[in-house]
Amino acid sequence: MSSIADLQMIQIILHWAWDPIGVRGIEGASDEYDMYALQVLKLLETDAPTDEIANYLTAIVCDRIGLPSNPDRDSDVATMLSQLYAIGR
C-alpha cells in the first residue's frame, strides 16, 4: 500500500471508528481528524507498539480536544490501525 493509501485508510478509521467528538457521518466533517492522521502514519511506519498509538489518540482526546479519555476505544482503534496497516505491507 502506498503512503497516500495508508494515510487515507487512517483518515477513514479516525472518522468512522475513533470519532471522539461524534461527527461520524456528518456532511462536511469527514476531515475533522485529518490533522492527526499523519502522526499516526509515522507511528505505524516505525512499528510503534499498539499501546503507543493508543496513548497518542488518548492524548489528543484529553489534551487537544478536552474530553474525558476512553482508553478502551483508543486501544481498539490502535489495534485496528496496526492490523490494517500490516495487511497492506
PDB file of N, CA and C in Angstrom:
ATOM      1  N   MET A   1       0.858  -1.184   0.000  1.00  0.00           N
ATOM      2  CA  MET A   1       0.000   0.000   0.000  1.00  0.00           C
ATOM      3  C   MET A   1       0.899   1.240   0.000  1.00  0.00           C
ATOM      4  N   SER A   2       0.518   2.221  -0.761  1.00  0.00           N
ATOM      5  CA  SER A   2       1.300   3.449  -0.798  1.00  0.00           C
ATOM      6  C   SER A   2       1.025   4.281   0.442  1.00  0.00           C
ATOM      7  N   SER A   3       1.898   5.224   0.698  1.00  0.00           N
ATOM      8  CA  SER A   3       1.696   6.105   1.850  1.00  0.00           C
ATOM      9  C   SER A   3       0.410   6.907   1.728  1.00  0.00           C
ATOM     10  N   ILE A   4       0.034   7.272   0.506  1.00  0.00           N
ATOM     11  CA  ILE A   4      -1.211   8.019   0.312  1.00  0.00           C
ATOM     12  C   ILE A   4      -2.404   7.137   0.668  1.00  0.00           C
ATOM     13  N   ALA A   5      -2.381   5.891   0.223  1.00  0.00           N
ATOM     14  CA  ALA A   5      -3.467   4.967   0.564  1.00  0.00           C
ATOM     15  C   ALA A   5      -3.483   4.688   2.064  1.00  0.00           C
ATOM     16  N   ASP A   6      -2.294   4.551   2.661  1.00  0.00           N
ATOM     17  CA  ASP A   6      -2.213   4.348   4.111  1.00  0.00           C
ATOM     18  C   ASP A   6      -2.827   5.538   4.850  1.00  0.00           C
ATOM     19  N   LEU A   7      -2.471   6.726   4.421  1.00  0.00           N
ATOM     20  CA  LEU A   7      -2.983   7.936   5.058  1.00  0.00           C
ATOM     21  C   LEU A   7      -4.507   8.018   4.926  1.00  0.00           C
ATOM     22  N   GLN A   8      -5.017   7.691   3.754  1.00  0.00           N
ATOM     23  CA  GLN A   8      -6.467   7.708   3.552  1.00  0.00           C
ATOM     24  C   GLN A   8      -7.158   6.678   4.440  1.00  0.00           C
ATOM     25  N   MET A   9      -6.564   5.497   4.582  1.00  0.00           N
ATOM     26  CA  MET A   9      -7.118   4.466   5.444  1.00  0.00           C
ATOM     27  C   MET A   9      -7.175   4.964   6.887  1.00  0.00           C
ATOM     28  N   ILE A  10      -6.126   5.606   7.332  1.00  0.00           N
ATOM     29  CA  ILE A  10      -6.082   6.146   8.696  1.00  0.00           C
ATOM     30  C   ILE A  10      -7.150   7.217   8.877  1.00  0.00           C
ATOM     31  N   GLN A  11      -7.278   8.110   7.906  1.00  0.00           N
ATOM     32  CA  GLN A  11      -8.292   9.169   7.983  1.00  0.00           C
ATOM     33  C   GLN A  11      -9.695   8.577   8.101  1.00  0.00           C
ATOM     34  N   ILE A  12      -9.971   7.552   7.344  1.00  0.00           N
ATOM     35  CA  ILE A  12     -11.292   6.913   7.379  1.00  0.00           C
ATOM     36  C   ILE A  12     -11.532   6.262   8.739  1.00  0.00           C
ATOM     37  N   ILE A  13     -10.540   5.572   9.261  1.00  0.00           N
ATOM     38  CA  ILE A  13     -10.690   4.912  10.562  1.00  0.00           C
ATOM     39  C   ILE A  13     -10.877   5.946  11.671  1.00  0.00           C
ATOM     40  N   LEU A  14     -10.105   7.021  11.628  1.00  0.00           N
ATOM     41  CA  LEU A  14     -10.262   8.049  12.661  1.00  0.00           C
ATOM     42  C   LEU A  14     -11.671   8.645  12.612  1.00  0.00           C
ATOM     43  N   HIS A  15     -12.191   8.849  11.424  1.00  0.00           N
ATOM     44  CA  HIS A  15     -13.526   9.447  11.289  1.00  0.00           C
ATOM     45  C   HIS A  15     -14.631   8.471  11.693  1.00  0.00           C
ATOM     46  N   TRP A  16     -14.563   7.230  11.227  1.00  0.00           N
ATOM     47  CA  TRP A  16     -15.679   6.300  11.419  1.00  0.00           C
ATOM     48  C   TRP A  16     -15.562   5.453  12.679  1.00  0.00           C
ATOM     49  N   ALA A  17     -14.357   5.114  13.104  1.00  0.00           N
ATOM     50  CA  ALA A  17     -14.208   4.210  14.254  1.00  0.00           C
ATOM     51  C   ALA A  17     -13.798   4.945  15.527  1.00  0.00           C
ATOM     52  N   TRP A  18     -12.939   5.935  15.404  1.00  0.00           N
ATOM     53  CA  TRP A  18     -12.427   6.627  16.597  1.00  0.00           C
ATOM     54  C   TRP A  18     -13.405   7.728  17.019  1.00  0.00           C
ATOM     55  N   ASP A  19     -13.575   8.752  16.238  1.00  0.00           N
ATOM     56  CA  ASP A  19     -14.588   9.802  16.348  1.00  0.00           C
ATOM     57  C   ASP A  19     -14.944  10.248  17.780  1.00  0.00           C
ATOM     58  N   PRO A  20     -13.994  10.815  18.510  1.00  0.00           N
ATOM     59  CA  PRO A  20     -14.280  11.182  19.902  1.00  0.00           C
ATOM     60  C   PRO A  20     -15.309  12.307  20.085  1.00  0.00           C
ATOM     61  N   ILE A  21     -15.523  13.139  19.068  1.00  0.00           N
ATOM     62  CA  ILE A  21     -16.489  14.232  19.248  1.00  0.00           C
ATOM     63  C   ILE A  21     -17.838  13.947  18.594  1.00  0.00           C
ATOM     64  N   GLY A  22     -17.971  12.792  17.962  1.00  0.00           N
ATOM     65  CA  GLY A  22     -19.269  12.387  17.440  1.00  0.00           C
ATOM     66  C   GLY A  22     -19.697  13.037  16.143  1.00  0.00           C
ATOM     67  N   VAL A  23     -18.773  13.167  15.184  1.00  0.00           N
ATOM     68  CA  VAL A  23     -19.128  13.764  13.901  1.00  0.00           C
ATOM     69  C   VAL A  23     -19.250  12.723  12.789  1.00  0.00           C
ATOM     70  N   ARG A  24     -19.193  11.474  13.143  1.00  0.00           N
ATOM     71  CA  ARG A  24     -19.281  10.376  12.168  1.00  0.00           C
ATOM     72  C   ARG A  24     -20.503  10.561  11.280  1.00  0.00           C
ATOM     73  N   GLY A  25     -20.258  10.594   9.975  1.00  0.00           N
ATOM     74  CA  GLY A  25     -21.354  10.664   9.023  1.00  0.00           C
ATOM     75  C   GLY A  25     -21.934  12.042   8.779  1.00  0.00           C
ATOM     76  N   ILE A  26     -21.476  13.044   9.482  1.00  0.00           N
ATOM     77  CA  ILE A  26     -21.987  14.399   9.269  1.00  0.00           C
ATOM     78  C   ILE A  26     -21.343  14.981   8.009  1.00  0.00           C
ATOM     79  N   GLU A  27     -22.183  15.454   7.119  1.00  0.00           N
ATOM     80  CA  GLU A  27     -21.688  16.023   5.871  1.00  0.00           C
ATOM     81  C   GLU A  27     -20.723  17.173   6.171  1.00  0.00           C
ATOM     82  N   GLY A  28     -19.584  17.147   5.514  1.00  0.00           N
ATOM     83  CA  GLY A  28     -18.595  18.198   5.683  1.00  0.00           C
ATOM     84  C   GLY A  28     -17.649  17.983   6.855  1.00  0.00           C
ATOM     85  N   ALA A  29     -17.834  16.920   7.617  1.00  0.00           N
ATOM     86  CA  ALA A  29     -16.976  16.682   8.781  1.00  0.00           C
ATOM     87  C   ALA A  29     -16.010  15.529   8.581  1.00  0.00           C
ATOM     88  N   SER A  30     -15.930  15.001   7.375  1.00  0.00           N
ATOM     89  CA  SER A  30     -15.079  13.831   7.151  1.00  0.00           C
ATOM     90  C   SER A  30     -13.596  14.119   7.359  1.00  0.00           C
ATOM     91  N   ASP A  31     -13.216  15.395   7.337  1.00  0.00           N
ATOM     92  CA  ASP A  31     -11.805  15.752   7.514  1.00  0.00           C
ATOM     93  C   ASP A  31     -11.491  16.237   8.929  1.00  0.00           C
ATOM     94  N   GLU A  32     -12.407  16.061   9.843  1.00  0.00           N
ATOM     95  CA  GLU A  32     -12.260  16.595  11.204  1.00  0.00           C
ATOM     96  C   GLU A  32     -10.989  16.128  11.902  1.00  0.00           C
ATOM     97  N   TYR A  33     -10.578  14.887  11.677  1.00  0.00           N
ATOM     98  CA  TYR A  33      -9.421  14.330  12.383  1.00  0.00           C
ATOM     99  C   TYR A  33      -8.197  14.153  11.479  1.00  0.00           C
ATOM    100  N   ASP A  34      -8.263  14.686  10.261  1.00  0.00           N
ATOM    101  CA  ASP A  34      -7.163  14.503   9.315  1.00  0.00           C
ATOM    102  C   ASP A  34      -5.833  15.025   9.844  1.00  0.00           C
ATOM    103  N   MET A  35      -5.869  16.046  10.680  1.00  0.00           N
ATOM    104  CA  MET A  35      -4.628  16.635  11.177  1.00  0.00           C
ATOM    105  C   MET A  35      -3.838  15.661  12.061  1.00  0.00           C
ATOM    106  N   TYR A  36      -4.490  14.609  12.540  1.00  0.00           N
ATOM    107  CA  TYR A  36      -3.822  13.631  13.401  1.00  0.00           C
ATOM    108  C   TYR A  36      -3.340  12.405  12.618  1.00  0.00           C
ATOM    109  N   ALA A  37      -3.821  12.245  11.407  1.00  0.00           N
ATOM    110  CA  ALA A  37      -3.550  11.039  10.632  1.00  0.00           C
ATOM    111  C   ALA A  37      -2.074  10.890  10.260  1.00  0.00           C
ATOM    112  N   LEU A  38      -1.405  11.980   9.937  1.00  0.00           N
ATOM    113  CA  LEU A  38      -0.001  11.889   9.536  1.00  0.00           C
ATOM    114  C   LEU A  38       0.869  11.365  10.681  1.00  0.00           C
ATOM    115  N   GLN A  39       0.623  11.820  11.892  1.00  0.00           N
ATOM    116  CA  GLN A  39       1.390  11.327  13.031  1.00  0.00           C
ATOM    117  C   GLN A  39       1.098   9.846  13.287  1.00  0.00           C
ATOM    118  N   VAL A  40      -0.151   9.441  13.123  1.00  0.00           N
ATOM    119  CA  VAL A  40      -0.482   8.020  13.260  1.00  0.00           C
ATOM    120  C   VAL A  40       0.271   7.216  12.207  1.00  0.00           C
ATOM    121  N   LEU A  41       0.318   7.712  10.974  1.00  0.00           N
ATOM    122  CA  LEU A  41       1.058   7.024   9.917  1.00  0.00           C
ATOM    123  C   LEU A  41       2.535   6.901  10.286  1.00  0.00           C
ATOM    124  N   LYS A  42       3.113   7.954  10.804  1.00  0.00           N
ATOM    125  CA  LYS A  42       4.524   7.901  11.212  1.00  0.00           C
ATOM    126  C   LYS A  42       4.735   6.846  12.285  1.00  0.00           C
ATOM    127  N   LEU A  43       3.821   6.762  13.232  1.00  0.00           N
ATOM    128  CA  LEU A  43       3.925   5.736  14.273  1.00  0.00           C
ATOM    129  C   LEU A  43       3.846   4.338  13.662  1.00  0.00           C
ATOM    130  N   LEU A  44       2.931   4.143  12.736  1.00  0.00           N
ATOM    131  CA  LEU A  44       2.802   2.837  12.091  1.00  0.00           C
ATOM    132  C   LEU A  44       4.041   2.493  11.266  1.00  0.00           C
ATOM    133  N   GLU A  45       4.571   3.467  10.562  1.00  0.00           N
ATOM    134  CA  GLU A  45       5.753   3.234   9.723  1.00  0.00           C
ATOM    135  C   GLU A  45       6.984   2.854  10.548  1.00  0.00           C
ATOM    136  N   THR A  46       7.020   3.304  11.793  1.00  0.00           N
ATOM    137  CA  THR A  46       8.169   2.982  12.652  1.00  0.00           C
ATOM    138  C   THR A  46       7.890   1.783  13.554  1.00  0.00           C
ATOM    139  N   ASP A  47       6.815   1.049  13.240  1.00  0.00           N
ATOM    140  CA  ASP A  47       6.442  -0.140  14.021  1.00  0.00           C
ATOM    141  C   ASP A  47       6.244   0.168  15.497  1.00  0.00           C
ATOM    142  N   ALA A  48       5.658   1.314  15.769  1.00  0.00           N
ATOM    143  CA  ALA A  48       5.361   1.671  17.167  1.00  0.00           C
ATOM    144  C   ALA A  48       4.405   0.637  17.753  1.00  0.00           C
ATOM    145  N   PRO A  49       4.579   0.320  19.020  1.00  0.00           N
ATOM    146  CA  PRO A  49       3.649  -0.617  19.660  1.00  0.00           C
ATOM    147  C   PRO A  49       2.228  -0.049  19.671  1.00  0.00           C
ATOM    148  N   THR A  50       1.272  -0.933  19.681  1.00  0.00           N
ATOM    149  CA  THR A  50      -0.134  -0.533  19.675  1.00  0.00           C
ATOM    150  C   THR A  50      -0.454   0.401  20.834  1.00  0.00           C
ATOM    151  N   ASP A  51       0.134   0.134  22.002  1.00  0.00           N
ATOM    152  CA  ASP A  51      -0.167   0.998  23.149  1.00  0.00           C
ATOM    153  C   ASP A  51       0.368   2.412  22.964  1.00  0.00           C
ATOM    154  N   GLU A  52       1.430   2.575  22.196  1.00  0.00           N
ATOM    155  CA  GLU A  52       1.939   3.923  21.913  1.00  0.00           C
ATOM    156  C   GLU A  52       0.968   4.686  21.009  1.00  0.00           C
ATOM    157  N   ILE A  53       0.408   3.989  20.038  1.00  0.00           N
ATOM    158  CA  ILE A  53      -0.589   4.611  19.160  1.00  0.00           C
ATOM    159  C   ILE A  53      -1.833   4.962  19.963  1.00  0.00           C
ATOM    160  N   ALA A  54      -2.273   4.039  20.814  1.00  0.00           N
ATOM    161  CA  ALA A  54      -3.441   4.289  21.670  1.00  0.00           C
ATOM    162  C   ALA A  54      -3.187   5.485  22.587  1.00  0.00           C
ATOM    163  N   ASN A  55      -1.999   5.567  23.155  1.00  0.00           N
ATOM    164  CA  ASN A  55      -1.658   6.696  24.032  1.00  0.00           C
ATOM    165  C   ASN A  55      -1.680   8.016  23.268  1.00  0.00           C
ATOM    166  N   TYR A  56      -1.237   7.998  22.012  1.00  0.00           N
ATOM    167  CA  TYR A  56      -1.289   9.201  21.182  1.00  0.00           C
ATOM    168  C   TYR A  56      -2.745   9.640  20.986  1.00  0.00           C
ATOM    169  N   LEU A  57      -3.618   8.685  20.664  1.00  0.00           N
ATOM    170  CA  LEU A  57      -5.029   9.005  20.472  1.00  0.00           C
ATOM    171  C   LEU A  57      -5.652   9.535  21.762  1.00  0.00           C
ATOM    172  N   THR A  58      -5.313   8.925  22.882  1.00  0.00           N
ATOM    173  CA  THR A  58      -5.827   9.380  24.175  1.00  0.00           C
ATOM    174  C   THR A  58      -5.347  10.795  24.486  1.00  0.00           C
ATOM    175  N   ALA A  59      -4.089  11.079  24.182  1.00  0.00           N
ATOM    176  CA  ALA A  59      -3.549  12.422  24.420  1.00  0.00           C
ATOM    177  C   ALA A  59      -4.294  13.464  23.591  1.00  0.00           C
ATOM    178  N   ILE A  60      -4.642  13.121  22.367  1.00  0.00           N
ATOM    179  CA  ILE A  60      -5.407  14.049  21.535  1.00  0.00           C
ATOM    180  C   ILE A  60      -6.747  14.359  22.192  1.00  0.00           C
ATOM    181  N   VAL A  61      -7.423  13.308  22.619  1.00  0.00           N
ATOM    182  CA  VAL A  61      -8.749  13.476  23.224  1.00  0.00           C
ATOM    183  C   VAL A  61      -8.666  14.354  24.473  1.00  0.00           C
ATOM    184  N   CYS A  62      -7.715  14.062  25.330  1.00  0.00           N
ATOM    185  CA  CYS A  62      -7.627  14.773  26.617  1.00  0.00           C
ATOM    186  C   CYS A  62      -6.986  16.154  26.488  1.00  0.00           C
ATOM    187  N   ASP A  63      -5.860  16.216  25.785  1.00  0.00           N
ATOM    188  CA  ASP A  63      -5.059  17.443  25.767  1.00  0.00           C
ATOM    189  C   ASP A  63      -5.478  18.438  24.690  1.00  0.00           C
ATOM    190  N   ARG A  64      -5.906  17.962  23.544  1.00  0.00           N
ATOM    191  CA  ARG A  64      -6.242  18.873  22.450  1.00  0.00           C
ATOM    192  C   ARG A  64      -7.741  19.117  22.336  1.00  0.00           C
ATOM    193  N   ILE A  65      -8.523  18.040  22.483  1.00  0.00           N
ATOM    194  CA  ILE A  65      -9.966  18.181  22.335  1.00  0.00           C
ATOM    195  C   ILE A  65     -10.624  18.548  23.660  1.00  0.00           C
ATOM    196  N   GLY A  66     -10.025  18.105  24.754  1.00  0.00           N
ATOM    197  CA  GLY A  66     -10.533  18.455  26.072  1.00  0.00           C
ATOM    198  C   GLY A  66     -11.691  17.595  26.563  1.00  0.00           C
ATOM    199  N   LEU A  67     -11.743  16.363  26.102  1.00  0.00           N
ATOM    200  CA  LEU A  67     -12.782  15.436  26.542  1.00  0.00           C
ATOM    201  C   LEU A  67     -12.181  14.379  27.462  1.00  0.00           C
ATOM    202  N   PRO A  68     -13.020  13.685  28.211  1.00  0.00           N
ATOM    203  CA  PRO A  68     -12.517  12.599  29.058  1.00  0.00           C
ATOM    204  C   PRO A  68     -11.953  11.468  28.194  1.00  0.00           C
ATOM    205  N   SER A  69     -10.987  10.774  28.739  1.00  0.00           N
ATOM    206  CA  SER A  69     -10.365   9.690  27.984  1.00  0.00           C
ATOM    207  C   SER A  69     -11.303   8.499  27.850  1.00  0.00           C
ATOM    208  N   ASN A  70     -11.066   7.732  26.818  1.00  0.00           N
ATOM    209  CA  ASN A  70     -11.774   6.479  26.574  1.00  0.00           C
ATOM    210  C   ASN A  70     -10.712   5.483  26.112  1.00  0.00           C
ATOM    211  N   PRO A  71      -9.886   4.984  27.054  1.00  0.00           N
ATOM    212  CA  PRO A  71      -8.753   4.151  26.669  1.00  0.00           C
ATOM    213  C   PRO A  71      -9.134   2.865  25.952  1.00  0.00           C
ATOM    214  N   ASP A  72     -10.290   2.305  26.249  1.00  0.00           N
ATOM    215  CA  ASP A  72     -10.700   1.082  25.545  1.00  0.00           C
ATOM    216  C   ASP A  72     -10.925   1.366  24.061  1.00  0.00           C
ATOM    217  N   ARG A  73     -11.623   2.450  23.763  1.00  0.00           N
ATOM    218  CA  ARG A  73     -11.841   2.825  22.365  1.00  0.00           C
ATOM    219  C   ARG A  73     -10.513   3.102  21.676  1.00  0.00           C
ATOM    220  N   ASP A  74      -9.646   3.862  22.335  1.00  0.00           N
ATOM    221  CA  ASP A  74      -8.369   4.219  21.730  1.00  0.00           C
ATOM    222  C   ASP A  74      -7.513   2.981  21.475  1.00  0.00           C
ATOM    223  N   SER A  75      -7.553   2.034  22.389  1.00  0.00           N
ATOM    224  CA  SER A  75      -6.805   0.789  22.219  1.00  0.00           C
ATOM    225  C   SER A  75      -7.379  -0.043  21.071  1.00  0.00           C
ATOM    226  N   ASP A  76      -8.703  -0.127  20.997  1.00  0.00           N
ATOM    227  CA  ASP A  76      -9.343  -0.867  19.902  1.00  0.00           C
ATOM    228  C   ASP A  76      -9.002  -0.250  18.549  1.00  0.00           C
ATOM    229  N   VAL A  77      -9.048   1.062  18.461  1.00  0.00           N
ATOM    230  CA  VAL A  77      -8.751   1.741  17.201  1.00  0.00           C
ATOM    231  C   VAL A  77      -7.268   1.578  16.853  1.00  0.00           C
ATOM    232  N   ALA A  78      -6.394   1.673  17.834  1.00  0.00           N
ATOM    233  CA  ALA A  78      -4.959   1.478  17.586  1.00  0.00           C
ATOM    234  C   ALA A  78      -4.691   0.063  17.073  1.00  0.00           C
ATOM    235  N   THR A  79      -5.361  -0.913  17.633  1.00  0.00           N
ATOM    236  CA  THR A  79      -5.210  -2.293  17.170  1.00  0.00           C
ATOM    237  C   THR A  79      -5.708  -2.428  15.738  1.00  0.00           C
ATOM    238  N   MET A  80      -6.863  -1.844  15.443  1.00  0.00           N
ATOM    239  CA  MET A  80      -7.402  -1.878  14.092  1.00  0.00           C
ATOM    240  C   MET A  80      -6.428  -1.238  13.101  1.00  0.00           C
ATOM    241  N   LEU A  81      -5.914  -0.075  13.448  1.00  0.00           N
ATOM    242  CA  LEU A  81      -4.959   0.619  12.579  1.00  0.00           C
ATOM    243  C   LEU A  81      -3.724  -0.241  12.335  1.00  0.00           C
ATOM    244  N   SER A  82      -3.176  -0.817  13.385  1.00  0.00           N
ATOM    245  CA  SER A  82      -1.964  -1.639  13.263  1.00  0.00           C
ATOM    246  C   SER A  82      -2.208  -2.859  12.386  1.00  0.00           C
ATOM    247  N   GLN A  83      -3.340  -3.509  12.582  1.00  0.00           N
ATOM    248  CA  GLN A  83      -3.639  -4.714  11.810  1.00  0.00           C
ATOM    249  C   GLN A  83      -3.883  -4.393  10.341  1.00  0.00           C
ATOM    250  N   LEU A  84      -4.628  -3.356  10.062  1.00  0.00           N
ATOM    251  CA  LEU A  84      -4.886  -2.986   8.672  1.00  0.00           C
ATOM    252  C   LEU A  84      -3.611  -2.496   7.974  1.00  0.00           C
ATOM    253  N   TYR A  85      -2.785  -1.778   8.701  1.00  0.00           N
ATOM    254  CA  TYR A  85      -1.520  -1.316   8.127  1.00  0.00           C
ATOM    255  C   TYR A  85      -0.641  -2.521   7.783  1.00  0.00           C
ATOM    256  N   ALA A  86      -0.612  -3.509   8.665  1.00  0.00           N
ATOM    257  CA  ALA A  86       0.214  -4.709   8.430  1.00  0.00           C
ATOM    258  C   ALA A  86      -0.266  -5.481   7.206  1.00  0.00           C
ATOM    259  N   ILE A  87      -1.568  -5.510   6.967  1.00  0.00           N
ATOM    260  CA  ILE A  87      -2.115  -6.194   5.789  1.00  0.00           C
ATOM    261  C   ILE A  87      -1.602  -5.546   4.502  1.00  0.00           C
ATOM    262  N   GLY A  88      -1.479  -4.238   4.518  1.00  0.00           N
ATOM    263  CA  GLY A  88      -1.064  -3.502   3.334  1.00  0.00           C
ATOM    264  C   GLY A  88       0.414  -3.579   3.018  1.00  0.00           C
ATOM    265  N   ARG A  89       1.160  -4.143   3.906  1.00  0.00           N
ATOM    266  CA  ARG A  89       2.615  -4.222   3.681  1.00  0.00           C
ATOM    267  C   ARG A  89       2.981  -5.273   2.682  1.00  0.00           C
TER     268      ARG A  89
END
